[in-house]
């Protein structure tokens, strides 16, 4: 059984995913990508990745090897991301690519 807090968190995650995928990348901050929280965004910024399109570029370079991308992201994000967050990020970037092609 899912707690009301767990359901709210799931609903927010789904909404973040939908908003990211259905919107143009433009100058969205990297935190607009599902799976990327404030702490990870700080580590990414210290590595010069501030905008979603910058992380998407790295994703394309390492695509289609999601494991390689996730390993790289885990290191660059200061080892602050859990496996489900890494997967959420990959899924969102894949879905964005599919939606806009």
Protein backbone atom coordinates (compact mmCIF):
# COMPACT_ATOMS: atom_id res chain seq x y z
CA UNK A 1 0.00 0.00 0.00
CA UNK A 2 1.35 3.43 -0.93
CA UNK A 3 1.31 6.16 1.69
CA UNK A 4 -0.26 9.50 0.81
CA UNK A 5 3.22 11.06 0.90
CA UNK A 6 4.54 8.38 -1.46
CA UNK A 7 1.62 8.94 -3.85
CA UNK A 8 2.16 12.70 -3.82
CA UNK A 9 5.85 12.19 -4.55
CA UNK A 10 5.02 9.82 -7.42
CA UNK A 11 2.48 12.29 -8.86
CA UNK A 12 5.07 15.08 -8.66
CA UNK A 13 7.66 12.87 -10.39
CA UNK A 14 5.24 12.02 -13.20
CA UNK A 15 4.33 15.70 -13.61
CA UNK A 16 8.00 16.74 -13.73
CA UNK A 17 8.63 14.09 -16.38
CA UNK A 18 5.68 15.18 -18.51
CA UNK A 19 6.57 18.88 -18.24
CA UNK A 20 10.16 18.20 -19.22
CA UNK A 21 9.37 15.92 -22.16
CA UNK A 22 6.56 18.01 -23.62
CA UNK A 23 8.37 21.33 -23.36
CA UNK A 24 11.09 22.67 -25.60
CA UNK A 25 14.53 22.35 -24.01
CA UNK A 26 15.43 26.02 -24.56
CA UNK A 27 17.22 27.39 -21.54
CA UNK A 28 15.69 25.05 -18.96
CA UNK A 29 17.82 24.62 -15.88
CA UNK A 30 19.32 21.16 -15.40
CA UNK A 31 16.99 20.68 -12.40
CA UNK A 32 14.06 20.57 -14.85
CA UNK A 33 15.24 17.05 -15.75
CA UNK A 34 13.64 14.34 -13.63
CA UNK A 35 16.11 12.70 -11.27
CA UNK A 36 18.26 15.82 -10.91
CA UNK A 37 17.84 17.46 -7.52
CA UNK A 38 19.40 20.58 -6.02
CA UNK A 39 22.48 18.79 -4.67
CA UNK A 40 23.23 17.04 -7.96
CA UNK A 41 22.64 20.31 -9.85
CA UNK A 42 25.29 22.03 -7.70
CA UNK A 43 27.83 19.34 -8.56
CA UNK A 44 26.89 19.49 -12.23
CA UNK A 45 27.27 23.30 -12.19
CA UNK A 46 30.75 22.96 -10.73
CA UNK A 47 31.50 20.88 -13.83
CA UNK A 48 30.05 23.52 -16.16
CA UNK A 49 26.65 21.90 -16.67
CA UNK A 50 23.93 24.38 -15.77
CA UNK A 51 21.32 23.93 -18.49
CA UNK A 52 19.34 20.86 -19.52
CA UNK A 53 20.68 21.05 -23.09
CA UNK A 54 24.23 20.68 -21.76
CA UNK A 55 23.38 17.44 -19.96
CA UNK A 56 21.40 16.32 -23.00
CA UNK A 57 24.53 16.81 -25.13
CA UNK A 58 26.48 14.49 -22.84
CA UNK A 59 23.58 12.04 -23.01
CA UNK A 60 23.75 12.03 -26.82
CA UNK A 61 27.51 11.49 -26.79
CA UNK A 62 27.10 8.47 -24.50
CA UNK A 63 23.84 7.26 -26.10
CA UNK A 64 22.71 4.47 -26.59
CA UNK A 65 24.81 3.08 -23.75
CA UNK A 66 22.66 4.14 -20.78
CA UNK A 67 24.93 2.37 -18.32
CA UNK A 68 27.92 4.39 -19.51
CA UNK A 69 25.93 7.64 -19.26
CA UNK A 70 24.61 6.76 -15.80
CA UNK A 71 28.11 5.88 -14.57
CA UNK A 72 29.45 9.18 -15.90
CA UNK A 73 26.51 11.15 -14.42
CA UNK A 74 26.91 9.45 -11.03
CA UNK A 75 30.52 10.62 -10.88
CA UNK A 76 29.91 14.15 -12.19
CA UNK A 77 26.93 14.68 -9.87
CA UNK A 78 29.11 14.07 -6.84
CA UNK A 79 27.86 10.54 -6.29
CA UNK A 80 24.65 12.03 -4.88
CA UNK A 81 22.16 10.31 -7.20
CA UNK A 82 20.45 7.02 -6.42
CA UNK A 83 19.88 4.39 -9.11
CA UNK A 84 16.22 5.33 -9.55
CA UNK A 85 17.20 8.99 -10.07
CA UNK A 86 19.79 8.03 -12.67
CA UNK A 87 17.15 5.93 -14.43
CA UNK A 88 14.58 8.76 -14.23
CA UNK A 89 17.08 11.11 -15.85
CA UNK A 90 17.89 8.66 -18.66
CA UNK A 91 14.23 7.89 -19.29
CA UNK A 92 13.34 11.59 -19.45
CA UNK A 93 16.16 12.34 -21.90
CA UNK A 94 15.21 9.34 -24.07
CA UNK A 95 11.55 10.33 -24.01
CA UNK A 96 12.40 13.96 -24.83
CA UNK A 97 14.43 12.79 -27.83
CA UNK A 98 11.63 10.53 -29.05
CA UNK A 99 8.95 13.22 -28.52
CA UNK A 100 10.83 15.91 -30.46
CA UNK A 101 12.07 13.78 -33.40
